[in-house]
Amino acid sequence: MSAWILWRTRFGLRLRSSGESPVAAESLGVKVNRLRYYGLLISGGLAGLAGGTLSIVASSYYRQGQTAGRGFIGLATMIFGNWRPSGILTGAMLFGYAEGIKLVASDSITALFLFIAAISLVFLIVAVIRRKRLQILVTLGAFLLSAIAYRTVNTVPESLTQSLPYVVTLIVLATANQRLRPPAMAGVPFRPGDPH
């Protein structure tokens, strides 16, 4: 829904242009500051809805520190998704899978190593086809480590399963090889009518 609003409506185009090039948007008659405040209100409302869901649905009461660093994971999801709704959805599924592992019985978590081995094998095949030597070495190492871990590890310590979302977040942000491009004027104050 948000992807459709941002990329297919007049409001979405104006909102994106007010973050990318507010001078150009103002030259076309767009009220840049008003749109930025609308975007701020919408994102704040959605964040409040998420916090309310966390405190009402996830547990029946509010307690201090209930988010447990999930804000960092949300920020990492936005960076991983390169500020695009489809990329954010992909990142949310990846980090949500790591979060969901905590809810599964610890003896079935060893299947995660098999999943990592399968994904690494796919990336290894792609790297061989593209003839990227460094990527071949990295994915081959990941495949071998995860395959050996699947064959040798019987139970995973609970401390590892509790920290898995944070570890996955750090690994993905450290190894993601993409061109990050945030909106050009995001966070930069804009005064309408001033010479720019």
C-alpha atoms as a PDB file:
ATOM      1  CA  MET A   1       0.000   0.000   0.000  1.00  0.00           C
ATOM      2  CA  SER A   2       2.751   2.467   0.913  1.00  0.00           C
ATOM      3  CA  ALA A   3       4.651   1.626  -2.292  1.00  0.00           C
ATOM      4  CA  TRP A   4       1.528   2.358  -4.330  1.00  0.00           C
ATOM      5  CA  ILE A   5       0.951   5.657  -2.507  1.00  0.00           C
ATOM      6  CA  LEU A   6       4.578   6.768  -2.863  1.00  0.00           C
ATOM      7  CA  TRP A   7       5.034   5.801  -6.515  1.00  0.00           C
ATOM      8  CA  ARG A   8       1.561   6.048  -8.076  1.00  0.00           C
ATOM      9  CA  THR A   9      -0.180   9.061  -6.547  1.00  0.00           C
ATOM     10  CA  ARG A  10       0.256  12.795  -6.821  1.00  0.00           C
ATOM     11  CA  PHE A  11       0.767  13.044  -3.069  1.00  0.00           C
ATOM     12  CA  GLY A  12       3.563  10.433  -3.184  1.00  0.00           C
ATOM     13  CA  LEU A  13       5.335  12.161  -6.050  1.00  0.00           C
ATOM     14  CA  ARG A  14       5.194  15.492  -4.259  1.00  0.00           C
ATOM     15  CA  LEU A  15       6.324  13.937  -0.978  1.00  0.00           C
ATOM     16  CA  ARG A  16       9.301  12.250  -2.642  1.00  0.00           C
ATOM     17  CA  SER A  17      10.240  15.438  -4.503  1.00  0.00           C
ATOM     18  CA  SER A  18      10.106  17.470  -1.271  1.00  0.00           C
ATOM     19  CA  GLY A  19      12.798  15.181   0.145  1.00  0.00           C
ATOM     20  CA  GLU A  20      14.826  14.818  -3.026  1.00  0.00           C
ATOM     21  CA  SER A  21      14.810  18.342  -4.462  1.00  0.00           C
ATOM     22  CA  PRO A  22      12.695  20.815  -2.512  1.00  0.00           C
ATOM     23  CA  VAL A  23      13.796  23.756  -4.686  1.00  0.00           C
ATOM     24  CA  ALA A  24      12.478  22.053  -7.819  1.00  0.00           C
ATOM     25  CA  ALA A  25       9.283  21.076  -6.018  1.00  0.00           C
ATOM     26  CA  GLU A  26       8.774  24.645  -4.816  1.00  0.00           C
ATOM     27  CA  SER A  27       9.275  25.965  -8.346  1.00  0.00           C
ATOM     28  CA  LEU A  28       6.295  23.825  -9.395  1.00  0.00           C
ATOM     29  CA  GLY A  29       4.087  25.269  -6.647  1.00  0.00           C
ATOM     30  CA  VAL A  30       4.402  22.462  -4.088  1.00  0.00           C
ATOM     31  CA  LYS A  31       4.202  23.519  -0.435  1.00  0.00           C
ATOM     32  CA  VAL A  32       7.368  21.700   0.632  1.00  0.00           C
ATOM     33  CA  ASN A  33       7.284  22.331   4.377  1.00  0.00           C
ATOM     34  CA  ARG A  34       3.608  21.362   4.607  1.00  0.00           C
ATOM     35  CA  LEU A  35       4.285  18.086   2.805  1.00  0.00           C
ATOM     36  CA  ARG A  36       7.259  17.367   5.025  1.00  0.00           C
ATOM     37  CA  TYR A  37       5.072  17.855   8.090  1.00  0.00           C
ATOM     38  CA  TYR A  38       2.435  15.545   6.590  1.00  0.00           C
ATOM     39  CA  GLY A  39       5.095  12.898   6.048  1.00  0.00           C
ATOM     40  CA  LEU A  40       6.319  13.377   9.604  1.00  0.00           C
ATOM     41  CA  LEU A  41       2.789  13.022  10.986  1.00  0.00           C
ATOM     42  CA  ILE A  42       2.093   9.884   8.954  1.00  0.00           C
ATOM     43  CA  SER A  43       5.368   8.188   9.930  1.00  0.00           C
ATOM     44  CA  GLY A  44       4.922   9.196  13.568  1.00  0.00           C
ATOM     45  CA  GLY A  45       1.381   7.833  13.562  1.00  0.00           C
ATOM     46  CA  LEU A  46       2.532   4.521  12.085  1.00  0.00           C
ATOM     47  CA  ALA A  47       5.352   4.310  14.657  1.00  0.00           C
ATOM     48  CA  GLY A  48       2.842   4.990  17.435  1.00  0.00           C
ATOM     49  CA  LEU A  49       0.569   2.279  16.041  1.00  0.00           C
ATOM     50  CA  ALA A  50       3.495  -0.149  16.046  1.00  0.00           C
ATOM     51  CA  GLY A  51       4.365   0.764  19.645  1.00  0.00           C
ATOM     52  CA  GLY A  52       0.754   0.357  20.721  1.00  0.00           C
ATOM     53  CA  THR A  53       0.575  -3.032  19.032  1.00  0.00           C
ATOM     54  CA  LEU A  54       3.787  -4.077  20.742  1.00  0.00           C
ATOM     55  CA  SER A  55       2.534  -3.143  24.192  1.00  0.00           C
ATOM     56  CA  ILE A  56      -1.047  -4.394  23.768  1.00  0.00           C
ATOM     57  CA  VAL A  57      -0.774  -7.444  21.514  1.00  0.00           C
ATOM     58  CA  ALA A  58       2.731  -8.763  22.199  1.00  0.00           C
ATOM     59  CA  SER A  59       2.219  -8.477  25.953  1.00  0.00           C
ATOM     60  CA  SER A  60      -0.733  -7.341  27.989  1.00  0.00           C
ATOM     61  CA  TYR A  61       1.065  -4.439  29.691  1.00  0.00           C
ATOM     62  CA  TYR A  62       3.738  -1.829  29.081  1.00  0.00           C
ATOM     63  CA  ARG A  63       7.182  -2.129  30.645  1.00  0.00           C
ATOM     64  CA  GLN A  64      10.342  -0.079  30.309  1.00  0.00           C
ATOM     65  CA  GLY A  65      12.711  -1.231  27.551  1.00  0.00           C
ATOM     66  CA  GLN A  66      10.020  -3.308  25.844  1.00  0.00           C
ATOM     67  CA  THR A  67      11.288  -2.605  22.345  1.00  0.00           C
ATOM     68  CA  ALA A  68      14.657  -4.240  23.162  1.00  0.00           C
ATOM     69  CA  GLY A  69      16.575  -2.567  20.340  1.00  0.00           C
ATOM     70  CA  ARG A  70      14.010  -3.172  17.626  1.00  0.00           C
ATOM     71  CA  GLY A  71      14.291   0.477  16.612  1.00  0.00           C
ATOM     72  CA  PHE A  72      17.867  -0.215  15.516  1.00  0.00           C
ATOM     73  CA  ILE A  73      16.637  -3.178  13.490  1.00  0.00           C
ATOM     74  CA  GLY A  74      13.976  -0.944  11.912  1.00  0.00           C
ATOM     75  CA  LEU A  75      16.604   1.614  10.965  1.00  0.00           C
ATOM     76  CA  ALA A  76      18.803  -1.157   9.561  1.00  0.00           C
ATOM     77  CA  THR A  77      15.824  -2.419   7.545  1.00  0.00           C
ATOM     78  CA  MET A  78      15.375   1.017   5.985  1.00  0.00           C
ATOM     79  CA  ILE A  79      19.085   1.263   5.134  1.00  0.00           C
ATOM     80  CA  PHE A  80      19.165  -2.319   3.809  1.00  0.00           C
ATOM     81  CA  GLY A  81      16.098  -1.568   1.695  1.00  0.00           C
ATOM     82  CA  ASN A  82      17.798   1.528   0.240  1.00  0.00           C
ATOM     83  CA  TRP A  83      14.847   3.747   1.187  1.00  0.00           C
ATOM     84  CA  ARG A  84      12.542   1.863  -1.225  1.00  0.00           C
ATOM     85  CA  PRO A  85       9.329   0.075  -0.134  1.00  0.00           C
ATOM     86  CA  SER A  86      10.160  -3.185  -1.948  1.00  0.00           C
ATOM     87  CA  GLY A  87      13.655  -3.320  -0.447  1.00  0.00           C
ATOM     88  CA  ILE A  88      12.280  -2.521   2.989  1.00  0.00           C
ATOM     89  CA  LEU A  89       9.804  -5.397   2.614  1.00  0.00           C
ATOM     90  CA  THR A  90      12.675  -7.752   1.751  1.00  0.00           C
ATOM     91  CA  GLY A  91      14.704  -6.548   4.725  1.00  0.00           C
ATOM     92  CA  ALA A  92      11.702  -6.848   7.032  1.00  0.00           C
ATOM     93  CA  MET A  93      11.179 -10.464   5.955  1.00  0.00           C
ATOM     94  CA  LEU A  94      14.849 -11.259   6.539  1.00  0.00           C
ATOM     95  CA  PHE A  95      15.032  -9.628   9.963  1.00  0.00           C
ATOM     96  CA  GLY A  96      11.568 -10.927  10.872  1.00  0.00           C
ATOM     97  CA  TYR A  97      12.734 -14.462  10.121  1.00  0.00           C
ATOM     98  CA  ALA A  98      15.661 -13.978  12.479  1.00  0.00           C
ATOM     99  CA  GLU A  99      13.260 -12.605  15.111  1.00  0.00           C
ATOM    100  CA  GLY A 100      10.882 -15.538  14.619  1.00  0.00           C
ATOM    101  CA  ILE A 101      13.687 -18.054  15.187  1.00  0.00           C
ATOM    102  CA  LYS A 102      13.560 -17.077  18.874  1.00  0.00           C
ATOM    103  CA  LEU A 103      10.033 -18.488  19.107  1.00  0.00           C
ATOM    104  CA  VAL A 104      10.915 -21.897  17.656  1.00  0.00           C
ATOM    105  CA  ALA A 105      12.108 -24.828  19.742  1.00  0.00           C
ATOM    106  CA  SER A 106      15.894 -24.831  20.087  1.00  0.00           C
ATOM    107  CA  ASP A 107      16.328 -28.312  18.609  1.00  0.00           C
ATOM    108  CA  SER A 108      14.776 -27.229  15.317  1.00  0.00           C
ATOM    109  CA  ILE A 109      17.022 -24.194  15.029  1.00  0.00           C
ATOM    110  CA  THR A 110      19.779 -26.343  13.605  1.00  0.00           C
ATOM    111  CA  ALA A 111      17.682 -26.391  10.431  1.00  0.00           C
ATOM    112  CA  LEU A 112      18.688 -22.750  10.083  1.00  0.00           C
ATOM    113  CA  PHE A 113      22.207 -23.928   9.200  1.00  0.00           C
ATOM    114  CA  LEU A 114      20.722 -26.016   6.396  1.00  0.00           C
ATOM    115  CA  PHE A 115      18.778 -22.979   5.168  1.00  0.00           C
ATOM    116  CA  ILE A 116      21.948 -20.852   5.211  1.00  0.00           C
ATOM    117  CA  ALA A 117      23.805 -23.584   3.317  1.00  0.00           C
ATOM    118  CA  ALA A 118      21.089 -23.685   0.646  1.00  0.00           C
ATOM    119  CA  ILE A 119      21.070 -19.897   0.236  1.00  0.00           C
ATOM    120  CA  SER A 120      24.879 -19.834   0.144  1.00  0.00           C
ATOM    121  CA  LEU A 121      24.837 -22.510  -2.558  1.00  0.00           C
ATOM    122  CA  VAL A 122      22.512 -20.395  -4.695  1.00  0.00           C
ATOM    123  CA  PHE A 123      24.765 -17.353  -4.273  1.00  0.00           C
ATOM    124  CA  LEU A 124      27.802 -19.547  -5.023  1.00  0.00           C
ATOM    125  CA  ILE A 125      26.278 -20.684  -8.318  1.00  0.00           C
ATOM    126  CA  VAL A 126      25.495 -17.075  -9.269  1.00  0.00           C
ATOM    127  CA  ALA A 127      29.055 -16.029  -8.370  1.00  0.00           C
ATOM    128  CA  VAL A 128      30.529 -18.832 -10.483  1.00  0.00           C
ATOM    129  CA  ILE A 129      28.364 -17.825 -13.442  1.00  0.00           C
ATOM    130  CA  ARG A 130      29.444 -14.180 -13.073  1.00  0.00           C
ATOM    131  CA  ARG A 131      33.073 -15.229 -12.443  1.00  0.00           C
ATOM    132  CA  LYS A 132      33.526 -13.052  -9.340  1.00  0.00           C
ATOM    133  CA  ARG A 133      36.442 -14.582  -7.448  1.00  0.00           C
ATOM    134  CA  LEU A 134      36.018 -12.799  -4.132  1.00  0.00           C
ATOM    135  CA  GLN A 135      32.290 -13.539  -4.054  1.00  0.00           C
ATOM    136  CA  ILE A 136      33.021 -17.185  -4.908  1.00  0.00           C
ATOM    137  CA  LEU A 137      35.421 -17.470  -1.972  1.00  0.00           C
ATOM    138  CA  VAL A 138      33.058 -15.782   0.493  1.00  0.00           C
ATOM    139  CA  THR A 139      29.999 -17.795  -0.498  1.00  0.00           C
ATOM    140  CA  LEU A 140      32.001 -21.029  -0.610  1.00  0.00           C
ATOM    141  CA  GLY A 141      33.224 -20.316   2.916  1.00  0.00           C
ATOM    142  CA  ALA A 142      29.678 -19.572   4.111  1.00  0.00           C
ATOM    143  CA  PHE A 143      28.414 -22.759   2.460  1.00  0.00           C
ATOM    144  CA  LEU A 144      31.120 -24.933   4.002  1.00  0.00           C
ATOM    145  CA  LEU A 145      30.764 -23.406   7.485  1.00  0.00           C
ATOM    146  CA  SER A 146      26.991 -23.745   7.518  1.00  0.00           C
ATOM    147  CA  ALA A 147      27.103 -27.306   6.137  1.00  0.00           C
ATOM    148  CA  ILE A 148      29.659 -28.335   8.774  1.00  0.00           C
ATOM    149  CA  ALA A 149      27.612 -26.626  11.492  1.00  0.00           C
ATOM    150  CA  TYR A 150      24.469 -28.456  10.351  1.00  0.00           C
ATOM    151  CA  ARG A 151      26.242 -31.824  10.531  1.00  0.00           C
ATOM    152  CA  THR A 152      27.979 -31.250  13.877  1.00  0.00           C
ATOM    153  CA  VAL A 153      25.769 -28.983  16.022  1.00  0.00           C
ATOM    154  CA  ASN A 154      22.905 -30.724  17.812  1.00  0.00           C
ATOM    155  CA  THR A 155      21.581 -27.911  20.000  1.00  0.00           C
ATOM    156  CA  VAL A 156      22.024 -24.160  19.798  1.00  0.00           C
ATOM    157  CA  PRO A 157      22.532 -22.198  23.040  1.00  0.00           C
ATOM    158  CA  GLU A 158      19.614 -19.983  24.008  1.00  0.00           C
ATOM    159  CA  SER A 159      21.863 -16.930  24.243  1.00  0.00           C
ATOM    160  CA  LEU A 160      22.641 -17.297  20.531  1.00  0.00           C
ATOM    161  CA  THR A 161      18.981 -17.546  19.584  1.00  0.00           C
ATOM    162  CA  GLN A 162      18.129 -14.455  21.638  1.00  0.00           C
ATOM    163  CA  SER A 163      20.889 -12.419  20.016  1.00  0.00           C
ATOM    164  CA  LEU A 164      20.341 -13.760  16.478  1.00  0.00           C
ATOM    165  CA  PRO A 165      18.296 -10.772  15.170  1.00  0.00           C
ATOM    166  CA  TYR A 166      21.022  -8.352  16.234  1.00  0.00           C
ATOM    167  CA  VAL A 167      23.824 -10.519  14.842  1.00  0.00           C
ATOM    168  CA  VAL A 168      22.004 -10.908  11.510  1.00  0.00           C
ATOM    169  CA  THR A 169      21.429  -7.148  11.402  1.00  0.00           C
ATOM    170  CA  LEU A 170      25.110  -6.395  11.955  1.00  0.00           C
ATOM    171  CA  ILE A 171      26.241  -9.012   9.431  1.00  0.00           C
ATOM    172  CA  VAL A 172      23.849  -7.792   6.754  1.00  0.00           C
ATOM    173  CA  LEU A 173      24.778  -4.139   7.225  1.00  0.00           C
ATOM    174  CA  ALA A 174      28.488  -4.954   7.237  1.00  0.00           C
ATOM    175  CA  THR A 175      28.415  -7.152   4.148  1.00  0.00           C
ATOM    176  CA  ALA A 176      25.639  -5.639   2.041  1.00  0.00           C
ATOM    177  CA  ASN A 177      27.209  -4.610  -1.238  1.00  0.00           C
ATOM    178  CA  GLN A 178      24.835  -2.092  -2.676  1.00  0.00           C
ATOM    179  CA  ARG A 179      24.750   1.545  -3.584  1.00  0.00           C
ATOM    180  CA  LEU A 180      22.942   3.290  -0.782  1.00  0.00           C
ATOM    181  CA  ARG A 181      21.137   6.411  -1.891  1.00  0.00           C
ATOM    182  CA  PRO A 182      19.064   8.215   0.719  1.00  0.00           C
ATOM    183  CA  PRO A 183      16.938  11.181  -0.365  1.00  0.00           C
ATOM    184  CA  ALA A 184      19.334  13.996  -1.233  1.00  0.00           C
ATOM    185  CA  MET A 185      17.830  16.662   1.026  1.00  0.00           C
ATOM    186  CA  ALA A 186      16.480  14.492   3.837  1.00  0.00           C
ATOM    187  CA  GLY A 187      17.023  16.227   7.159  1.00  0.00           C
ATOM    188  CA  VAL A 188      18.149  19.481   5.555  1.00  0.00           C
ATOM    189  CA  PRO A 189      16.026  22.483   6.600  1.00  0.00           C
ATOM    190  CA  PHE A 190      14.183  24.245   3.804  1.00  0.00           C
ATOM    191  CA  ARG A 191      13.033  27.859   3.866  1.00  0.00           C
ATOM    192  CA  PRO A 192      10.643  28.678   1.047  1.00  0.00           C
ATOM    193  CA  GLY A 193      11.502  31.712  -1.024  1.00  0.00           C
ATOM    194  CA  ASP A 194      15.156  31.898   0.052  1.00  0.00           C
ATOM    195  CA  PRO A 195      17.783  31.912  -2.721  1.00  0.00           C
ATOM    196  CA  HIS A 196      19.267  28.424  -2.888  1.00  0.00           C
END
